[in-house]
Amino acid sequence: MNVVLAGEELAGLQALRALGRSSHQVVAVLASPPKSEAAGSNVWNIAQNMGFETWTAKQVKDATLANRLRLKQVDILLNVHSLYIIHKDVLDAPRFGCFNLHPAPLPRYAGLNTIS
C-alpha cells in the first residue's frame, strides 16, 4: 500500500516508525522542517534519516498536492497530529481515503492543546 504520512510531535514519530517497520511503501512524509540545527528528533529529521522523501507540512492546505498524490498513486493519507487543515481536493485524492488521528474527541475538543 502506498502511504503518505502528515505528522508532527511524538504521535507522528511513533506513526513514522511503525510505517518504517511495515511492508507499506512510504511515498512521502509531510512535516514541519526544524527551526534549528539542534532539533534532531523531530518528524522531518527522522523521516530523512530513514530515507523517506519529506514535503513541507503546510502543502496539505494547497489543492495542487492532490495531483501529486494521484501521480504517486497514494492509497492512504495518514494525518497524525498535523498542524494544518487539509484541503478538500487533497482529501479526495488518495485511493482509499484519509485517516485522522486527533488526541481528543472531535469536534468538541478541537485545537492544539486539547489534552490540557
PDB file of N, CA and C in Angstrom:
ATOM      1  N   MET A   1       0.846  -1.166   0.000  1.00  0.00           N
ATOM      2  CA  MET A   1       0.000   0.000   0.000  1.00  0.00           C
ATOM      3  C   MET A   1       0.899   1.240   0.000  1.00  0.00           C
ATOM      4  N   ASN A   2       0.577   2.234  -0.809  1.00  0.00           N
ATOM      5  CA  ASN A   2       1.321   3.487  -0.875  1.00  0.00           C
ATOM      6  C   ASN A   2       0.737   4.486   0.118  1.00  0.00           C
ATOM      7  N   VAL A   3       1.561   4.937   1.060  1.00  0.00           N
ATOM      8  CA  VAL A   3       1.103   5.766   2.172  1.00  0.00           C
ATOM      9  C   VAL A   3       1.865   7.079   2.204  1.00  0.00           C
ATOM     10  N   VAL A   4       1.133   8.166   2.475  1.00  0.00           N
ATOM     11  CA  VAL A   4       1.745   9.450   2.811  1.00  0.00           C
ATOM     12  C   VAL A   4       1.354   9.749   4.247  1.00  0.00           C
ATOM     13  N   LEU A   5       2.341  10.134   5.049  1.00  0.00           N
ATOM     14  CA  LEU A   5       2.101  10.490   6.447  1.00  0.00           C
ATOM     15  C   LEU A   5       2.241  11.991   6.607  1.00  0.00           C
ATOM     16  N   ALA A   6       1.218  12.628   7.152  1.00  0.00           N
ATOM     17  CA  ALA A   6       1.307  14.020   7.592  1.00  0.00           C
ATOM     18  C   ALA A   6       1.338  13.953   9.108  1.00  0.00           C
ATOM     19  N   GLY A   7       2.487  14.268   9.702  1.00  0.00           N
ATOM     20  CA  GLY A   7       2.595  14.056  11.137  1.00  0.00           C
ATOM     21  C   GLY A   7       3.509  15.029  11.837  1.00  0.00           C
ATOM     22  N   GLU A   8       3.247  15.211  13.111  1.00  0.00           N
ATOM     23  CA  GLU A   8       4.039  16.065  13.986  1.00  0.00           C
ATOM     24  C   GLU A   8       4.081  15.420  15.365  1.00  0.00           C
ATOM     25  N   GLU A   9       4.944  15.936  16.196  1.00  0.00           N
ATOM     26  CA  GLU A   9       5.029  15.577  17.606  1.00  0.00           C
ATOM     27  C   GLU A   9       5.329  14.095  17.802  1.00  0.00           C
ATOM     28  N   LEU A  10       5.246  13.649  19.029  1.00  0.00           N
ATOM     29  CA  LEU A  10       5.582  12.269  19.370  1.00  0.00           C
ATOM     30  C   LEU A  10       4.668  11.264  18.668  1.00  0.00           C
ATOM     31  N   ALA A  11       3.389  11.575  18.563  1.00  0.00           N
ATOM     32  CA  ALA A  11       2.470  10.653  17.883  1.00  0.00           C
ATOM     33  C   ALA A  11       2.854  10.484  16.420  1.00  0.00           C
ATOM     34  N   GLY A  12       3.253  11.578  15.772  1.00  0.00           N
ATOM     35  CA  GLY A  12       3.711  11.493  14.388  1.00  0.00           C
ATOM     36  C   GLY A  12       4.971  10.653  14.259  1.00  0.00           C
ATOM     37  N   LEU A  13       5.890  10.816  15.222  1.00  0.00           N
ATOM     38  CA  LEU A  13       7.114   9.992  15.227  1.00  0.00           C
ATOM     39  C   LEU A  13       6.801   8.513  15.392  1.00  0.00           C
ATOM     40  N   GLN A  14       5.879   8.206  16.284  1.00  0.00           N
ATOM     41  CA  GLN A  14       5.512   6.806  16.500  1.00  0.00           C
ATOM     42  C   GLN A  14       4.880   6.207  15.253  1.00  0.00           C
ATOM     43  N   ALA A  15       4.023   6.981  14.591  1.00  0.00           N
ATOM     44  CA  ALA A  15       3.410   6.500  13.348  1.00  0.00           C
ATOM     45  C   ALA A  15       4.475   6.303  12.275  1.00  0.00           C
ATOM     46  N   LEU A  16       5.415   7.234  12.186  1.00  0.00           N
ATOM     47  CA  LEU A  16       6.505   7.132  11.216  1.00  0.00           C
ATOM     48  C   LEU A  16       7.332   5.875  11.450  1.00  0.00           C
ATOM     49  N   ARG A  17       7.693   5.628  12.673  1.00  0.00           N
ATOM     50  CA  ARG A  17       8.495   4.442  12.990  1.00  0.00           C
ATOM     51  C   ARG A  17       7.727   3.151  12.698  1.00  0.00           C
ATOM     52  N   ALA A  18       6.429   3.141  13.010  1.00  0.00           N
ATOM     53  CA  ALA A  18       5.604   1.961  12.723  1.00  0.00           C
ATOM     54  C   ALA A  18       5.511   1.729  11.213  1.00  0.00           C
ATOM     55  N   LEU A  19       5.347   2.800  10.447  1.00  0.00           N
ATOM     56  CA  LEU A  19       5.311   2.660   8.985  1.00  0.00           C
ATOM     57  C   LEU A  19       6.648   2.163   8.452  1.00  0.00           C
ATOM     58  N   GLY A  20       7.728   2.645   9.040  1.00  0.00           N
ATOM     59  CA  GLY A  20       9.056   2.215   8.621  1.00  0.00           C
ATOM     60  C   GLY A  20       9.291   0.728   8.828  1.00  0.00           C
ATOM     61  N   ARG A  21       8.651   0.157   9.837  1.00  0.00           N
ATOM     62  CA  ARG A  21       8.788  -1.276  10.121  1.00  0.00           C
ATOM     63  C   ARG A  21       7.801  -2.118   9.310  1.00  0.00           C
ATOM     64  N   SER A  22       6.835  -1.479   8.686  1.00  0.00           N
ATOM     65  CA  SER A  22       5.787  -2.208   7.979  1.00  0.00           C
ATOM     66  C   SER A  22       6.213  -2.550   6.548  1.00  0.00           C
ATOM     67  N   SER A  23       5.382  -3.287   5.873  1.00  0.00           N
ATOM     68  CA  SER A  23       5.648  -3.633   4.474  1.00  0.00           C
ATOM     69  C   SER A  23       5.086  -2.589   3.508  1.00  0.00           C
ATOM     70  N   HIS A  24       4.481  -1.534   4.036  1.00  0.00           N
ATOM     71  CA  HIS A  24       3.893  -0.498   3.189  1.00  0.00           C
ATOM     72  C   HIS A  24       4.974   0.402   2.596  1.00  0.00           C
ATOM     73  N   GLN A  25       4.668   0.979   1.454  1.00  0.00           N
ATOM     74  CA  GLN A  25       5.579   1.908   0.785  1.00  0.00           C
ATOM     75  C   GLN A  25       5.258   3.321   1.271  1.00  0.00           C
ATOM     76  N   VAL A  26       6.205   3.957   1.954  1.00  0.00           N
ATOM     77  CA  VAL A  26       6.022   5.336   2.386  1.00  0.00           C
ATOM     78  C   VAL A  26       6.447   6.230   1.227  1.00  0.00           C
ATOM     79  N   VAL A  27       5.473   6.865   0.601  1.00  0.00           N
ATOM     80  CA  VAL A  27       5.728   7.718  -0.552  1.00  0.00           C
ATOM     81  C   VAL A  27       6.418   9.005  -0.114  1.00  0.00           C
ATOM     82  N   ALA A  28       5.909   9.601   0.965  1.00  0.00           N
ATOM     83  CA  ALA A  28       6.485  10.844   1.489  1.00  0.00           C
ATOM     84  C   ALA A  28       5.961  11.088   2.890  1.00  0.00           C
ATOM     85  N   VAL A  29       6.657  11.988   3.584  1.00  0.00           N
ATOM     86  CA  VAL A  29       6.253  12.418   4.920  1.00  0.00           C
ATOM     87  C   VAL A  29       6.103  13.932   4.886  1.00  0.00           C
ATOM     88  N   LEU A  30       4.916  14.405   5.237  1.00  0.00           N
ATOM     89  CA  LEU A  30       4.647  15.837   5.347  1.00  0.00           C
ATOM     90  C   LEU A  30       4.865  16.235   6.796  1.00  0.00           C
ATOM     91  N   ALA A  31       5.821  17.123   7.027  1.00  0.00           N
ATOM     92  CA  ALA A  31       6.152  17.538   8.389  1.00  0.00           C
ATOM     93  C   ALA A  31       6.720  18.945   8.349  1.00  0.00           C
ATOM     94  N   SER A  32       6.894  19.517   9.523  1.00  0.00           N
ATOM     95  CA  SER A  32       7.493  20.850   9.628  1.00  0.00           C
ATOM     96  C   SER A  32       9.001  20.724   9.700  1.00  0.00           C
ATOM     97  N   PRO A  33       9.721  21.433   8.816  1.00  0.00           N
ATOM     98  CA  PRO A  33      11.175  21.411   8.908  1.00  0.00           C
ATOM     99  C   PRO A  33      11.617  21.992  10.249  1.00  0.00           C
ATOM    100  N   PRO A  34      12.728  21.512  10.798  1.00  0.00           N
ATOM    101  CA  PRO A  34      13.188  22.023  12.092  1.00  0.00           C
ATOM    102  C   PRO A  34      13.567  23.493  11.997  1.00  0.00           C
ATOM    103  N   LYS A  35      13.383  24.203  13.094  1.00  0.00           N
ATOM    104  CA  LYS A  35      13.713  25.626  13.137  1.00  0.00           C
ATOM    105  C   LYS A  35      15.174  25.873  13.451  1.00  0.00           C
ATOM    106  N   SER A  36      15.854  24.840  13.946  1.00  0.00           N
ATOM    107  CA  SER A  36      17.280  24.986  14.254  1.00  0.00           C
ATOM    108  C   SER A  36      17.981  23.656  14.003  1.00  0.00           C
ATOM    109  N   GLU A  37      19.273  23.717  13.917  1.00  0.00           N
ATOM    110  CA  GLU A  37      20.082  22.508  13.716  1.00  0.00           C
ATOM    111  C   GLU A  37      19.992  21.563  14.916  1.00  0.00           C
ATOM    112  N   ALA A  38      19.670  22.100  16.086  1.00  0.00           N
ATOM    113  CA  ALA A  38      19.633  21.298  17.310  1.00  0.00           C
ATOM    114  C   ALA A  38      18.383  20.428  17.406  1.00  0.00           C
ATOM    115  N   ALA A  39      17.389  20.687  16.579  1.00  0.00           N
ATOM    116  CA  ALA A  39      16.122  19.946  16.653  1.00  0.00           C
ATOM    117  C   ALA A  39      16.260  18.602  15.956  1.00  0.00           C
ATOM    118  N   GLY A  40      16.945  17.664  16.583  1.00  0.00           N
ATOM    119  CA  GLY A  40      17.286  16.397  15.949  1.00  0.00           C
ATOM    120  C   GLY A  40      16.194  15.361  15.903  1.00  0.00           C
ATOM    121  N   SER A  41      15.335  15.307  16.891  1.00  0.00           N
ATOM    122  CA  SER A  41      14.356  14.216  16.923  1.00  0.00           C
ATOM    123  C   SER A  41      12.957  14.709  16.585  1.00  0.00           C
ATOM    124  N   ASN A  42      12.833  15.397  15.484  1.00  0.00           N
ATOM    125  CA  ASN A  42      11.508  15.763  15.013  1.00  0.00           C
ATOM    126  C   ASN A  42      11.143  14.877  13.822  1.00  0.00           C
ATOM    127  N   VAL A  43       9.897  14.914  13.408  1.00  0.00           N
ATOM    128  CA  VAL A  43       9.419  14.028  12.349  1.00  0.00           C
ATOM    129  C   VAL A  43      10.204  14.253  11.053  1.00  0.00           C
ATOM    130  N   TRP A  44      10.451  15.515  10.702  1.00  0.00           N
ATOM    131  CA  TRP A  44      11.173  15.842   9.463  1.00  0.00           C
ATOM    132  C   TRP A  44      12.552  15.161   9.433  1.00  0.00           C
ATOM    133  N   ASN A  45      13.347  15.372  10.482  1.00  0.00           N
ATOM    134  CA  ASN A  45      14.704  14.817  10.506  1.00  0.00           C
ATOM    135  C   ASN A  45      14.709  13.293  10.551  1.00  0.00           C
ATOM    136  N   ILE A  46      13.849  12.727  11.351  1.00  0.00           N
ATOM    137  CA  ILE A  46      13.804  11.263  11.454  1.00  0.00           C
ATOM    138  C   ILE A  46      13.385  10.660  10.115  1.00  0.00           C
ATOM    139  N   ALA A  47      12.404  11.263   9.449  1.00  0.00           N
ATOM    140  CA  ALA A  47      11.963  10.759   8.137  1.00  0.00           C
ATOM    141  C   ALA A  47      13.114  10.795   7.136  1.00  0.00           C
ATOM    142  N   GLN A  48      13.865  11.886   7.124  1.00  0.00           N
ATOM    143  CA  GLN A  48      15.005  11.965   6.215  1.00  0.00           C
ATOM    144  C   GLN A  48      16.078  10.937   6.571  1.00  0.00           C
ATOM    145  N   ASN A  49      16.322  10.749   7.866  1.00  0.00           N
ATOM    146  CA  ASN A  49      17.299   9.740   8.294  1.00  0.00           C
ATOM    147  C   ASN A  49      16.874   8.326   7.911  1.00  0.00           C
ATOM    148  N   MET A  50      15.563   8.106   7.837  1.00  0.00           N
ATOM    149  CA  MET A  50      15.043   6.798   7.449  1.00  0.00           C
ATOM    150  C   MET A  50      15.015   6.633   5.935  1.00  0.00           C
ATOM    151  N   GLY A  51      15.358   7.693   5.202  1.00  0.00           N
ATOM    152  CA  GLY A  51      15.403   7.622   3.745  1.00  0.00           C
ATOM    153  C   GLY A  51      14.111   7.983   3.047  1.00  0.00           C
ATOM    154  N   PHE A  52      13.169   8.580   3.769  1.00  0.00           N
ATOM    155  CA  PHE A  52      11.895   8.952   3.160  1.00  0.00           C
ATOM    156  C   PHE A  52      11.948  10.368   2.607  1.00  0.00           C
ATOM    157  N   GLU A  53      11.215  10.583   1.528  1.00  0.00           N
ATOM    158  CA  GLU A  53      11.083  11.909   0.948  1.00  0.00           C
ATOM    159  C   GLU A  53      10.258  12.773   1.902  1.00  0.00           C
ATOM    160  N   THR A  54      10.688  14.007   2.126  1.00  0.00           N
ATOM    161  CA  THR A  54       9.948  14.911   3.017  1.00  0.00           C
ATOM    162  C   THR A  54       9.389  16.080   2.220  1.00  0.00           C
ATOM    163  N   TRP A  55       8.144  16.405   2.534  1.00  0.00           N
ATOM    164  CA  TRP A  55       7.461  17.552   1.949  1.00  0.00           C
ATOM    165  C   TRP A  55       7.018  18.440   3.107  1.00  0.00           C
ATOM    166  N   THR A  56       6.969  19.747   2.894  1.00  0.00           N
ATOM    167  CA  THR A  56       6.560  20.638   3.977  1.00  0.00           C
ATOM    168  C   THR A  56       5.098  20.412   4.346  1.00  0.00           C
ATOM    169  N   ALA A  57       4.833  20.445   5.634  1.00  0.00           N
ATOM    170  CA  ALA A  57       3.509  20.118   6.173  1.00  0.00           C
ATOM    171  C   ALA A  57       2.403  21.009   5.629  1.00  0.00           C
ATOM    172  N   LYS A  58       2.698  22.283   5.417  1.00  0.00           N
ATOM    173  CA  LYS A  58       1.640  23.208   5.001  1.00  0.00           C
ATOM    174  C   LYS A  58       1.139  22.941   3.581  1.00  0.00           C
ATOM    175  N   GLN A  59       1.788  22.058   2.841  1.00  0.00           N
ATOM    176  CA  GLN A  59       1.314  21.722   1.495  1.00  0.00           C
ATOM    177  C   GLN A  59      -0.071  21.088   1.505  1.00  0.00           C
ATOM    178  N   VAL A  60      -0.495  20.529   2.647  1.00  0.00           N
ATOM    179  CA  VAL A  60      -1.832  19.919   2.702  1.00  0.00           C
ATOM    180  C   VAL A  60      -2.934  20.948   2.507  1.00  0.00           C
ATOM    181  N   LYS A  61      -2.615  22.218   2.697  1.00  0.00           N
ATOM    182  CA  LYS A  61      -3.595  23.293   2.506  1.00  0.00           C
ATOM    183  C   LYS A  61      -3.757  23.675   1.033  1.00  0.00           C
ATOM    184  N   ASP A  62      -2.876  23.186   0.178  1.00  0.00           N
ATOM    185  CA  ASP A  62      -2.822  23.566  -1.232  1.00  0.00           C
ATOM    186  C   ASP A  62      -3.447  22.471  -2.099  1.00  0.00           C
ATOM    187  N   ALA A  63      -4.418  22.855  -2.917  1.00  0.00           N
ATOM    188  CA  ALA A  63      -5.118  21.887  -3.774  1.00  0.00           C
ATOM    189  C   ALA A  63      -4.189  21.188  -4.757  1.00  0.00           C
ATOM    190  N   THR A  64      -3.058  21.802  -5.104  1.00  0.00           N
ATOM    191  CA  THR A  64      -2.149  21.175  -6.073  1.00  0.00           C
ATOM    192  C   THR A  64      -1.501  19.900  -5.528  1.00  0.00           C
ATOM    193  N   LEU A  65      -1.496  19.733  -4.220  1.00  0.00           N
ATOM    194  CA  LEU A  65      -0.961  18.492  -3.645  1.00  0.00           C
ATOM    195  C   LEU A  65      -1.789  17.292  -4.105  1.00  0.00           C
ATOM    196  N   ALA A  66      -3.059  17.490  -4.370  1.00  0.00           N
ATOM    197  CA  ALA A  66      -3.918  16.393  -4.813  1.00  0.00           C
ATOM    198  C   ALA A  66      -3.369  15.744  -6.084  1.00  0.00           C
ATOM    199  N   ASN A  67      -2.929  16.539  -7.037  1.00  0.00           N
ATOM    200  CA  ASN A  67      -2.359  15.986  -8.274  1.00  0.00           C
ATOM    201  C   ASN A  67      -1.100  15.179  -7.992  1.00  0.00           C
ATOM    202  N   ARG A  68      -0.284  15.675  -7.102  1.00  0.00           N
ATOM    203  CA  ARG A  68       0.954  14.971  -6.739  1.00  0.00           C
ATOM    204  C   ARG A  68       0.632  13.616  -6.115  1.00  0.00           C
ATOM    205  N   LEU A  69      -0.378  13.578  -5.253  1.00  0.00           N
ATOM    206  CA  LEU A  69      -0.769  12.317  -4.623  1.00  0.00           C
ATOM    207  C   LEU A  69      -1.289  11.330  -5.659  1.00  0.00           C
ATOM    208  N   ARG A  70      -2.053  11.824  -6.625  1.00  0.00           N
ATOM    209  CA  ARG A  70      -2.556  10.941  -7.679  1.00  0.00           C
ATOM    210  C   ARG A  70      -1.416  10.411  -8.543  1.00  0.00           C
ATOM    211  N   LEU A  71      -0.468  11.281  -8.900  1.00  0.00           N
ATOM    212  CA  LEU A  71       0.673  10.857  -9.708  1.00  0.00           C
ATOM    213  C   LEU A  71       1.511   9.797  -8.996  1.00  0.00           C
ATOM    214  N   LYS A  72       1.620   9.916  -7.682  1.00  0.00           N
ATOM    215  CA  LYS A  72       2.392   8.955  -6.879  1.00  0.00           C
ATOM    216  C   LYS A  72       1.570   7.729  -6.504  1.00  0.00           C
ATOM    217  N   GLN A  73       0.299   7.696  -6.953  1.00  0.00           N
ATOM    218  CA  GLN A  73      -0.622   6.585  -6.693  1.00  0.00           C
ATOM    219  C   GLN A  73      -0.758   6.280  -5.204  1.00  0.00           C
ATOM    220  N   VAL A  74      -1.003   7.329  -4.441  1.00  0.00           N
ATOM    221  CA  VAL A  74      -1.147   7.199  -2.997  1.00  0.00           C
ATOM    222  C   VAL A  74      -2.485   6.530  -2.675  1.00  0.00           C
ATOM    223  N   ASP A  75      -2.422   5.522  -1.835  1.00  0.00           N
ATOM    224  CA  ASP A  75      -3.623   4.814  -1.405  1.00  0.00           C
ATOM    225  C   ASP A  75      -4.248   5.460  -0.173  1.00  0.00           C
ATOM    226  N   ILE A  76      -3.396   5.867   0.779  1.00  0.00           N
ATOM    227  CA  ILE A  76      -3.885   6.392   2.058  1.00  0.00           C
ATOM    228  C   ILE A  76      -3.025   7.579   2.489  1.00  0.00           C
ATOM    229  N   LEU A  77      -3.695   8.596   2.978  1.00  0.00           N
ATOM    230  CA  LEU A  77      -3.021   9.716   3.644  1.00  0.00           C
ATOM    231  C   LEU A  77      -3.340   9.599   5.128  1.00  0.00           C
ATOM    232  N   LEU A  78      -2.316   9.450   5.955  1.00  0.00           N
ATOM    233  CA  LEU A  78      -2.489   9.388   7.404  1.00  0.00           C
ATOM    234  C   LEU A  78      -2.144  10.748   7.989  1.00  0.00           C
ATOM    235  N   ASN A  79      -3.044  11.314   8.751  1.00  0.00           N
ATOM    236  CA  ASN A  79      -2.854  12.612   9.390  1.00  0.00           C
ATOM    237  C   ASN A  79      -2.749  12.372  10.895  1.00  0.00           C
ATOM    238  N   VAL A  80      -1.535  12.518  11.428  1.00  0.00           N
ATOM    239  CA  VAL A  80      -1.289  12.216  12.838  1.00  0.00           C
ATOM    240  C   VAL A  80      -0.737  13.469  13.518  1.00  0.00           C
ATOM    241  N   HIS A  81      -1.620  14.168  14.212  1.00  0.00           N
ATOM    242  CA  HIS A  81      -1.275  15.393  14.948  1.00  0.00           C
ATOM    243  C   HIS A  81      -0.701  16.476  14.045  1.00  0.00           C
ATOM    244  N   SER A  82      -1.126  16.508  12.794  1.00  0.00           N
ATOM    245  CA  SER A  82      -0.671  17.556  11.883  1.00  0.00           C
ATOM    246  C   SER A  82      -1.268  18.892  12.302  1.00  0.00           C
ATOM    247  N   LEU A  83      -0.603  19.966  11.933  1.00  0.00           N
ATOM    248  CA  LEU A  83      -0.997  21.297  12.402  1.00  0.00           C
ATOM    249  C   LEU A  83      -1.878  22.057  11.415  1.00  0.00           C
ATOM    250  N   TYR A  84      -2.200  21.457  10.280  1.00  0.00           N
ATOM    251  CA  TYR A  84      -2.932  22.172   9.236  1.00  0.00           C
ATOM    252  C   TYR A  84      -4.216  21.447   8.860  1.00  0.00           C
ATOM    253  N   ILE A  85      -5.204  22.239   8.447  1.00  0.00           N
ATOM    254  CA  ILE A  85      -6.451  21.680   7.923  1.00  0.00           C
ATOM    255  C   ILE A  85      -6.200  21.305   6.464  1.00  0.00           C
ATOM    256  N   ILE A  86      -6.546  20.087   6.106  1.00  0.00           N
ATOM    257  CA  ILE A  86      -6.270  19.554   4.782  1.00  0.00           C
ATOM    258  C   ILE A  86      -7.320  20.044   3.787  1.00  0.00           C
ATOM    259  N   HIS A  87      -6.839  20.498   2.633  1.00  0.00           N
ATOM    260  CA  HIS A  87      -7.719  20.976   1.564  1.00  0.00           C
ATOM    261  C   HIS A  87      -8.617  19.832   1.084  1.00  0.00           C
ATOM    262  N   LYS A  88      -9.851  20.164   0.722  1.00  0.00           N
ATOM    263  CA  LYS A  88     -10.817  19.153   0.286  1.00  0.00           C
ATOM    264  C   LYS A  88     -10.303  18.327  -0.894  1.00  0.00           C
ATOM    265  N   ASP A  89      -9.665  18.965  -1.872  1.00  0.00           N
ATOM    266  CA  ASP A  89      -9.144  18.230  -3.028  1.00  0.00           C
ATOM    267  C   ASP A  89      -8.073  17.225  -2.616  1.00  0.00           C
ATOM    268  N   VAL A  90      -7.279  17.581  -1.631  1.00  0.00           N
ATOM    269  CA  VAL A  90      -6.254  16.666  -1.122  1.00  0.00           C
ATOM    270  C   VAL A  90      -6.915  15.484  -0.419  1.00  0.00           C
ATOM    271  N   LEU A  91      -7.980  15.748   0.315  1.00  0.00           N
ATOM    272  CA  LEU A  91      -8.702  14.667   0.995  1.00  0.00           C
ATOM    273  C   LEU A  91      -9.288  13.655   0.007  1.00  0.00           C
ATOM    274  N   ASP A  92      -9.664  14.142  -1.165  1.00  0.00           N
ATOM    275  CA  ASP A  92     -10.282  13.276  -2.170  1.00  0.00           C
ATOM    276  C   ASP A  92      -9.275  12.511  -3.026  1.00  0.00           C
ATOM    277  N   ALA A  93      -7.997  12.846  -2.953  1.00  0.00           N
ATOM    278  CA  ALA A  93      -7.000  12.279  -3.857  1.00  0.00           C
ATOM    279  C   ALA A  93      -6.585  10.832  -3.569  1.00  0.00           C
ATOM    280  N   PRO A  94      -6.310  10.442  -2.328  1.00  0.00           N
ATOM    281  CA  PRO A  94      -5.870   9.062  -2.089  1.00  0.00           C
ATOM    282  C   PRO A  94      -6.956   8.041  -2.456  1.00  0.00           C
ATOM    283  N   ARG A  95      -6.524   6.933  -2.991  1.00  0.00           N
ATOM    284  CA  ARG A  95      -7.449   5.924  -3.498  1.00  0.00           C
ATOM    285  C   ARG A  95      -8.410   5.399  -2.430  1.00  0.00           C
ATOM    286  N   PHE A  96      -7.910   5.100  -1.235  1.00  0.00           N
ATOM    287  CA  PHE A  96      -8.763   4.566  -0.173  1.00  0.00           C
ATOM    288  C   PHE A  96      -9.240   5.635   0.797  1.00  0.00           C
ATOM    289  N   GLY A  97      -8.567   6.767   0.824  1.00  0.00           N
ATOM    290  CA  GLY A  97      -9.020   7.858   1.678  1.00  0.00           C
ATOM    291  C   GLY A  97      -7.954   8.369   2.625  1.00  0.00           C
ATOM    292  N   CYS A  98      -8.415   9.193   3.546  1.00  0.00           N
ATOM    293  CA  CYS A  98      -7.559   9.826   4.543  1.00  0.00           C
ATOM    294  C   CYS A  98      -8.055   9.439   5.930  1.00  0.00           C
ATOM    295  N   PHE A  99      -7.113   9.284   6.832  1.00  0.00           N
ATOM    296  CA  PHE A  99      -7.459   8.919   8.197  1.00  0.00           C
ATOM    297  C   PHE A  99      -6.774   9.887   9.144  1.00  0.00           C
ATOM    298  N   ASN A 100      -7.532  10.385  10.114  1.00  0.00           N
ATOM    299  CA  ASN A 100      -7.071  11.419  11.022  1.00  0.00           C
ATOM    300  C   ASN A 100      -6.956  10.872  12.439  1.00  0.00           C
ATOM    301  N   LEU A 101      -5.811  11.109  13.069  1.00  0.00           N
ATOM    302  CA  LEU A 101      -5.629  10.780  14.479  1.00  0.00           C
ATOM    303  C   LEU A 101      -5.510  12.093  15.230  1.00  0.00           C
ATOM    304  N   HIS A 102      -6.475  12.349  16.097  1.00  0.00           N
ATOM    305  CA  HIS A 102      -6.504  13.582  16.881  1.00  0.00           C
ATOM    306  C   HIS A 102      -6.516  13.173  18.352  1.00  0.00           C
ATOM    307  N   PRO A 103      -5.828  13.924  19.220  1.00  0.00           N
ATOM    308  CA  PRO A 103      -5.684  13.489  20.608  1.00  0.00           C
ATOM    309  C   PRO A 103      -6.915  13.651  21.492  1.00  0.00           C
ATOM    310  N   ALA A 104      -8.029  14.069  20.931  1.00  0.00           N
ATOM    311  CA  ALA A 104      -9.243  14.241  21.737  1.00  0.00           C
ATOM    312  C   ALA A 104     -10.468  14.108  20.840  1.00  0.00           C
ATOM    313  N   PRO A 105     -11.651  13.895  21.441  1.00  0.00           N
ATOM    314  CA  PRO A 105     -12.870  13.770  20.647  1.00  0.00           C
ATOM    315  C   PRO A 105     -13.178  15.056  19.864  1.00  0.00           C
ATOM    316  N   LEU A 106     -13.454  14.871  18.587  1.00  0.00           N
ATOM    317  CA  LEU A 106     -13.826  15.994  17.724  1.00  0.00           C
ATOM    318  C   LEU A 106     -15.329  15.999  17.531  1.00  0.00           C
ATOM    319  N   PRO A 107     -15.966  17.106  17.311  1.00  0.00           N
ATOM    320  CA  PRO A 107     -15.404  18.447  17.204  1.00  0.00           C
ATOM    321  C   PRO A 107     -15.340  19.187  18.546  1.00  0.00           C
ATOM    322  N   ARG A 108     -15.834  18.573  19.590  1.00  0.00           N
ATOM    323  CA  ARG A 108     -15.909  19.277  20.873  1.00  0.00           C
ATOM    324  C   ARG A 108     -14.545  19.753  21.371  1.00  0.00           C
ATOM    325  N   TYR A 109     -13.515  18.936  21.197  1.00  0.00           N
ATOM    326  CA  TYR A 109     -12.183  19.278  21.688  1.00  0.00           C
ATOM    327  C   TYR A 109     -11.209  19.467  20.541  1.00  0.00           C
ATOM    328  N   ALA A 110     -11.513  20.381  19.654  1.00  0.00           N
ATOM    329  CA  ALA A 110     -10.623  20.697  18.526  1.00  0.00           C
ATOM    330  C   ALA A 110      -9.505  21.627  19.029  1.00  0.00           C
ATOM    331  N   GLY A 111      -8.438  21.697  18.247  1.00  0.00           N
ATOM    332  CA  GLY A 111      -7.350  22.614  18.584  1.00  0.00           C
ATOM    333  C   GLY A 111      -6.083  21.892  18.980  1.00  0.00           C
ATOM    334  N   LEU A 112      -5.070  22.684  19.251  1.00  0.00           N
ATOM    335  CA  LEU A 112      -3.730  22.124  19.510  1.00  0.00           C
ATOM    336  C   LEU A 112      -3.532  21.628  20.945  1.00  0.00           C
ATOM    337  N   ASN A 113      -4.199  22.217  21.917  1.00  0.00           N
ATOM    338  CA  ASN A 113      -3.941  21.869  23.319  1.00  0.00           C
ATOM    339  C   ASN A 113      -5.150  21.185  23.950  1.00  0.00           C
ATOM    340  N   THR A 114      -5.678  20.212  23.265  1.00  0.00           N
ATOM    341  CA  THR A 114      -6.897  19.544  23.741  1.00  0.00           C
ATOM    342  C   THR A 114      -6.678  18.718  25.003  1.00  0.00           C
ATOM    343  N   ILE A 115      -5.485  18.210  25.183  1.00  0.00           N
ATOM    344  CA  ILE A 115      -5.219  17.387  26.368  1.00  0.00           C
ATOM    345  C   ILE A 115      -5.336  18.199  27.646  1.00  0.00           C
ATOM    346  N   SER A 116      -4.819  19.419  27.638  1.00  0.00           N
ATOM    347  CA  SER A 116      -4.883  20.243  28.835  1.00  0.00           C
ATOM    348  C   SER A 116      -6.242  20.897  28.958  1.00  0.00           C
TER     349      SER A 116
END
